[in-house]
Amino acid sequence: MTQTEIETLPTAGSFRIGGDLPVRRLGFGAMRLTNADGDGIWRGPDDPAAAVAVLRRAIELGVQHIDTADSYALGANEELIAQALHPYADDFVIATKIGNTRPGPDEWVPVGHPAYLRQQAELSLRRLRVERLDLLYLHRVDPAVPLADQVGALAQLQQEGKVRHIGLSEVSVDEIRQAQQVAPIAAVQNLYNFSTRDHDPVLDYTGAEGIAFVPFFPVGAGEHTKQAGALADVARQTGATPAQVALAWLLHRAPHVLPIPGTTSLNHLTENLAAANLSLSPDQLARLDVGKDT
């Protein structure tokens, strides 16, 4: 498939986040752009110009949904997005997350105190150069603070016009239900991919509720590079890469699934986005649906 074909072929459809924010289903996760020397998402990119080029190319290729967080490189990831893409297109959606502190490299500590969450939202607004955050997630549930208080802080921001839609990350069905008693939930972002399917119940529940399900690490941690198994077999049959098959499987899984593969490579970016055009046969899907080890 040539680059021109990738840009002109239809994509895997769209989904309306919160019922009113339409985005193409395959987005971009910006976390890895601020991972200098593999330092645990602690500092900005070694080559800022290259990172900016990846973000701008993602938009050129049709990405409408980019995901970040205030904790990625202590806010540098949000600043990078603003540097690359501001002023933003009218149909562009930025999702960011608050509620995870960074005491040091490779340390992620949830803090859900409402005053802290409100402060971090204000900082995200400044770094992203917007007056309202399209989609704001509670990055992690803080077990030391009632969930209702944490979601309530985001709901207050929503009532003030500073947040359009509220999301949750790494949550159970029960936690989603609790949060829905406080505010409408537009998106849930959990770890989910071809090799890790623990959140099947969450995926099914969000589909029934009309909530976007955003799988992070959608290609997994190297599982797609294996030369045997269902992914490899289907890749050979389709002429695609195992990573493309893994992403296409997610897109086929349900219409509310919005994968956000991330990369620092322009070539990998193009490869990932081409997965939106990969059709899988019923037999291929059945083989992939059986499980990661078949």
Protein backbone atom coordinates (compact mmCIF):
# COMPACT_ATOMS: atom_id res chain seq x y z
CA MET A 1 0.00 0.00 0.00
CA THR A 2 1.51 3.32 -1.05
CA GLN A 3 1.47 6.47 1.01
CA THR A 4 -0.99 8.05 -1.43
CA GLU A 5 -3.34 5.11 -1.08
CA ILE A 6 -3.16 5.37 2.69
CA GLU A 7 -4.23 9.01 2.55
CA THR A 8 -7.12 8.50 0.12
CA LEU A 9 -8.67 5.23 1.23
CA PRO A 10 -11.67 5.43 3.60
CA THR A 11 -10.89 5.01 7.28
CA ALA A 12 -12.51 2.69 9.82
CA GLY A 13 -15.33 5.12 10.51
CA SER A 14 -15.81 7.59 13.30
CA PHE A 15 -17.27 7.80 16.79
CA ARG A 16 -18.87 10.69 18.66
CA ILE A 17 -17.16 11.10 22.02
CA GLY A 18 -19.78 12.21 24.51
CA GLY A 19 -22.31 12.18 21.69
CA ASP A 20 -21.06 15.43 20.15
CA LEU A 21 -17.33 15.14 19.39
CA PRO A 22 -16.89 13.14 16.17
CA VAL A 23 -13.41 11.71 15.64
CA ARG A 24 -11.90 9.14 13.31
CA ARG A 25 -11.53 6.01 15.36
CA LEU A 26 -7.77 5.59 15.04
CA GLY A 27 -6.05 8.31 17.04
CA PHE A 28 -2.56 9.01 18.34
CA GLY A 29 -1.06 8.57 21.80
CA ALA A 30 1.58 11.25 22.38
CA MET A 31 3.20 9.79 25.51
CA ARG A 32 6.21 8.26 23.80
CA LEU A 33 7.20 11.58 22.23
CA THR A 34 8.47 12.68 25.64
CA ASN A 35 10.59 9.70 26.57
CA ALA A 36 14.13 10.97 26.10
CA ASP A 37 16.57 8.06 26.13
CA GLY A 38 13.86 5.79 27.54
CA ASP A 39 13.87 7.72 30.82
CA GLY A 40 10.40 6.76 32.01
CA ILE A 41 8.45 9.61 30.38
CA TRP A 42 10.35 12.03 32.60
CA ARG A 43 11.88 14.64 30.27
CA GLY A 44 11.09 16.24 26.94
CA PRO A 45 12.19 14.70 23.64
CA ASP A 46 15.85 14.56 22.65
CA ASP A 47 14.85 15.90 19.23
CA PRO A 48 11.89 18.29 19.65
CA ALA A 49 11.76 19.06 15.94
CA ALA A 50 11.32 15.39 15.09
CA ALA A 51 8.54 15.06 17.69
CA VAL A 52 6.77 18.10 16.26
CA ALA A 53 7.07 16.59 12.78
CA VAL A 54 5.37 13.39 13.95
CA LEU A 55 2.46 15.32 15.48
CA ARG A 56 1.97 17.44 12.40
CA ARG A 57 2.17 14.44 10.10
CA ALA A 58 -0.45 12.64 12.20
CA ILE A 59 -2.86 15.50 11.55
CA GLU A 60 -2.01 15.51 7.84
CA LEU A 61 -2.86 11.81 7.71
CA GLY A 62 -6.28 12.42 9.22
CA VAL A 63 -5.85 11.94 12.97
CA GLN A 64 -8.45 13.96 14.88
CA HIS A 65 -7.90 12.61 18.41
CA ILE A 66 -4.59 12.98 20.27
CA ASP A 67 -4.10 11.75 23.83
CA THR A 68 -1.70 13.17 26.42
CA ALA A 69 -1.46 13.74 30.21
CA ASP A 70 -0.17 16.35 32.61
CA SER A 71 2.19 13.73 34.07
CA TYR A 72 4.00 12.96 30.81
CA ALA A 73 7.38 14.63 31.30
CA LEU A 74 5.87 16.92 33.93
CA GLY A 75 3.72 18.75 31.42
CA ALA A 76 6.25 18.89 28.58
CA ASN A 77 4.09 16.56 26.48
CA GLU A 78 1.16 18.96 26.58
CA GLU A 79 3.47 21.86 25.75
CA LEU A 80 4.85 19.93 22.79
CA ILE A 81 1.36 19.41 21.37
CA ALA A 82 0.61 23.11 21.65
CA GLN A 83 3.94 23.99 20.04
CA ALA A 84 3.24 21.67 17.12
CA LEU A 85 -0.47 22.14 16.51
CA HIS A 86 -1.80 25.38 18.02
CA PRO A 87 -4.00 27.01 16.78
CA TYR A 88 -5.99 23.80 16.54
CA ALA A 89 -8.34 22.76 13.77
CA ASP A 90 -12.05 22.96 14.62
CA ASP A 91 -12.46 19.17 14.28
CA PHE A 92 -9.44 18.32 16.45
CA VAL A 93 -9.89 16.74 19.90
CA ILE A 94 -7.22 16.75 22.61
CA ALA A 95 -7.67 14.39 25.52
CA THR A 96 -5.53 14.87 28.60
CA LYS A 97 -5.39 13.29 32.04
CA ILE A 98 -4.83 14.50 35.61
CA GLY A 99 -4.42 12.73 38.95
CA ASN A 100 -1.03 11.03 38.65
CA THR A 101 1.98 12.66 40.31
CA ARG A 102 5.60 12.09 39.34
CA PRO A 103 7.95 12.07 42.36
CA GLY A 104 10.72 10.76 40.12
CA PRO A 105 11.47 8.82 36.92
CA ASP A 106 9.39 5.64 36.63
CA GLU A 107 7.28 6.70 39.64
CA TRP A 108 3.55 7.21 39.20
CA VAL A 109 1.56 8.03 42.34
CA PRO A 110 -2.19 8.76 42.20
CA VAL A 111 -3.35 11.90 43.98
CA GLY A 112 -7.08 12.54 43.83
CA HIS A 113 -7.54 15.43 46.24
CA PRO A 114 -10.09 17.73 44.57
CA ALA A 115 -7.99 20.88 45.05
CA TYR A 116 -5.01 19.18 43.41
CA LEU A 117 -7.10 17.95 40.48
CA ARG A 118 -8.52 21.42 39.87
CA GLN A 119 -5.03 22.95 39.96
CA GLN A 120 -3.70 20.43 37.45
CA ALA A 121 -6.61 21.07 35.12
CA GLU A 122 -5.80 24.77 35.18
CA LEU A 123 -2.17 24.01 34.31
CA SER A 124 -3.25 21.77 31.44
CA LEU A 125 -5.44 24.56 30.09
CA ARG A 126 -2.43 26.89 30.08
CA ARG A 127 0.02 24.43 28.57
CA LEU A 128 -2.38 23.37 25.82
CA ARG A 129 -3.40 27.02 25.21
CA VAL A 130 -7.13 26.36 25.33
CA GLU A 131 -10.04 27.75 27.30
CA ARG A 132 -11.78 24.39 27.56
CA LEU A 133 -10.41 20.84 27.65
CA ASP A 134 -12.23 18.61 25.15
CA LEU A 135 -11.83 15.45 27.21
CA LEU A 136 -10.34 15.31 30.69
CA TYR A 137 -9.62 11.95 32.33
CA LEU A 138 -9.05 11.05 35.92
CA HIS A 139 -5.72 9.38 35.20
CA ARG A 140 -5.88 6.97 38.13
CA VAL A 141 -8.31 6.48 40.97
CA ASP A 142 -6.72 7.50 44.28
CA PRO A 143 -7.78 4.86 46.84
CA ALA A 144 -7.30 7.38 49.66
CA VAL A 145 -10.00 9.74 48.34
CA PRO A 146 -13.68 8.89 47.73
CA LEU A 147 -14.23 8.36 44.02
CA ALA A 148 -17.25 10.64 44.14
CA ASP A 149 -15.03 13.49 45.34
CA GLN A 150 -12.51 12.91 42.55
CA VAL A 151 -15.13 12.79 39.81
CA GLY A 152 -16.90 15.67 41.50
CA ALA A 153 -13.83 17.87 41.01
CA LEU A 154 -13.94 17.19 37.28
CA ALA A 155 -17.69 17.76 37.25
CA GLN A 156 -17.19 21.17 38.87
CA LEU A 157 -14.71 22.08 36.13
CA GLN A 158 -17.27 20.92 33.58
CA GLN A 159 -19.95 23.11 35.15
CA GLU A 160 -17.55 26.07 34.98
CA GLY A 161 -17.09 25.53 31.24
CA LYS A 162 -13.44 24.45 31.54
CA VAL A 163 -14.06 20.81 30.60
CA ARG A 164 -16.33 19.52 27.87
CA HIS A 165 -16.33 15.79 28.65
CA ILE A 166 -15.08 13.61 31.53
CA GLY A 167 -13.21 10.33 31.25
CA LEU A 168 -11.77 7.65 33.54
CA SER A 169 -8.63 5.54 33.19
CA GLU A 170 -7.82 2.03 34.44
CA VAL A 171 -11.19 1.48 36.07
CA SER A 172 -13.58 -1.41 36.65
CA VAL A 173 -17.23 -1.59 35.64
CA ASP A 174 -18.20 -0.92 39.25
CA GLU A 175 -16.05 2.22 39.38
CA ILE A 176 -17.62 3.46 36.14
CA ARG A 177 -21.06 2.96 37.63
CA GLN A 178 -20.05 4.87 40.76
CA ALA A 179 -18.68 7.73 38.68
CA GLN A 180 -21.84 7.88 36.57
CA GLN A 181 -23.78 8.70 39.73
CA VAL A 182 -21.77 11.94 39.90
CA ALA A 183 -21.34 12.98 36.26
CA PRO A 184 -21.76 11.68 32.71
CA ILE A 185 -18.72 9.65 31.62
CA ALA A 186 -17.78 10.06 27.96
CA ALA A 187 -14.69 7.85 27.70
CA VAL A 188 -12.78 5.12 29.50
CA GLN A 189 -9.10 4.49 28.82
CA ASN A 190 -7.83 1.10 30.01
CA LEU A 191 -4.96 -1.21 29.14
CA TYR A 192 -6.26 -3.48 26.40
CA ASN A 193 -4.75 -5.13 23.34
CA PHE A 194 -4.57 -8.42 21.47
CA SER A 195 -2.50 -10.01 24.24
CA THR A 196 -4.13 -8.35 27.26
CA ARG A 197 -7.91 -8.68 27.47
CA ASP A 198 -8.63 -8.42 31.18
CA HIS A 199 -10.95 -5.48 30.56
CA ASP A 200 -13.37 -7.29 28.25
CA PRO A 201 -16.20 -6.58 30.74
CA VAL A 202 -15.36 -2.86 30.69
CA LEU A 203 -15.26 -2.83 26.91
CA ASP A 204 -18.68 -4.47 26.75
CA TYR A 205 -20.19 -2.21 29.42
CA THR A 206 -18.94 0.98 27.78
CA GLY A 207 -20.36 -0.16 24.45
CA ALA A 208 -23.77 -0.67 26.00
CA GLU A 209 -23.56 2.79 27.62
CA GLY A 210 -22.37 4.65 24.52
CA ILE A 211 -19.04 5.43 26.18
CA ALA A 212 -15.85 5.54 24.11
CA PHE A 213 -13.40 2.78 25.02
CA VAL A 214 -9.81 3.93 24.42
CA PRO A 215 -7.31 1.07 24.73
CA PHE A 216 -3.85 2.26 25.69
CA PHE A 217 -0.80 0.24 24.60
CA PRO A 218 -3.06 -1.01 21.78
CA VAL A 219 -0.24 -2.89 20.08
CA GLY A 220 1.09 -4.33 23.33
CA ALA A 221 4.68 -4.57 24.47
CA GLY A 222 6.33 -6.49 21.66
CA GLU A 223 3.80 -9.32 21.36
CA HIS A 224 3.13 -8.33 17.76
CA THR A 225 6.75 -9.01 16.80
CA LYS A 226 6.43 -12.76 17.37
CA GLN A 227 6.76 -14.79 14.19
CA ALA A 228 4.22 -17.43 15.19
CA GLY A 229 0.58 -17.49 16.25
CA ALA A 230 -2.63 -15.92 15.04
CA LEU A 231 -1.29 -12.41 14.51
CA ALA A 232 1.59 -13.62 12.38
CA ASP A 233 -0.64 -15.97 10.38
CA VAL A 234 -3.22 -13.29 9.60
CA ALA A 235 -0.46 -10.81 8.77
CA ARG A 236 0.93 -13.22 6.17
CA GLN A 237 -2.54 -13.78 4.71
CA THR A 238 -3.31 -10.06 4.39
CA GLY A 239 0.15 -8.76 3.50
CA ALA A 240 0.02 -6.49 6.53
CA THR A 241 2.32 -6.28 9.53
CA PRO A 242 1.42 -7.97 12.83
CA ALA A 243 1.06 -4.51 14.40
CA GLN A 244 -1.45 -3.50 11.74
CA VAL A 245 -3.41 -6.70 12.31
CA ALA A 246 -3.46 -6.04 16.07
CA LEU A 247 -4.86 -2.55 15.49
CA ALA A 248 -7.35 -3.74 12.87
CA TRP A 249 -8.56 -6.42 15.29
CA LEU A 250 -9.27 -3.71 17.88
CA LEU A 251 -11.18 -1.66 15.32
CA HIS A 252 -13.24 -4.71 14.41
CA ARG A 253 -13.83 -5.54 18.10
CA ALA A 254 -16.54 -2.90 18.53
CA PRO A 255 -17.48 0.45 16.96
CA HIS A 256 -16.83 2.42 20.16
CA VAL A 257 -13.18 1.28 20.41
CA LEU A 258 -10.75 4.14 19.68
CA PRO A 259 -7.12 2.89 19.69
CA ILE A 260 -4.36 5.46 20.25
CA PRO A 261 -1.09 3.89 19.03
CA GLY A 262 1.95 6.03 19.72
CA THR A 263 5.32 6.22 18.02
CA THR A 264 8.31 8.50 17.51
CA SER A 265 8.79 7.30 13.93
CA LEU A 266 7.16 8.83 10.86
CA ASN A 267 7.30 5.45 9.11
CA HIS A 268 5.63 3.66 11.99
CA LEU A 269 3.02 6.41 12.19
CA THR A 270 2.08 5.82 8.55
CA GLU A 271 2.08 2.06 9.10
CA ASN A 272 -0.16 2.30 12.17
CA LEU A 273 -2.71 4.57 10.53
CA ALA A 274 -2.94 2.29 7.49
CA ALA A 275 -4.48 -0.31 9.82
CA ALA A 276 -7.72 1.68 9.59
CA ASN A 277 -8.07 0.39 6.04
CA LEU A 278 -7.32 -3.26 6.76
CA SER A 279 -10.36 -5.51 6.39
CA LEU A 280 -10.34 -8.84 8.20
CA SER A 281 -12.48 -11.75 7.08
CA PRO A 282 -14.88 -13.51 9.46
CA ASP A 283 -12.53 -16.51 9.54
CA GLN A 284 -9.55 -14.29 10.37
CA LEU A 285 -11.49 -12.51 13.09
CA ALA A 286 -12.60 -15.80 14.57
CA ARG A 287 -9.00 -16.95 14.70
CA LEU A 288 -7.90 -13.73 16.39
CA ASP A 289 -10.85 -13.69 18.78
CA VAL A 290 -9.98 -17.10 20.21
CA GLY A 291 -7.06 -15.63 22.11
CA LYS A 292 -3.49 -14.45 22.09
CA ASP A 293 -1.84 -17.88 22.29
CA THR A 294 -3.57 -19.65 19.43
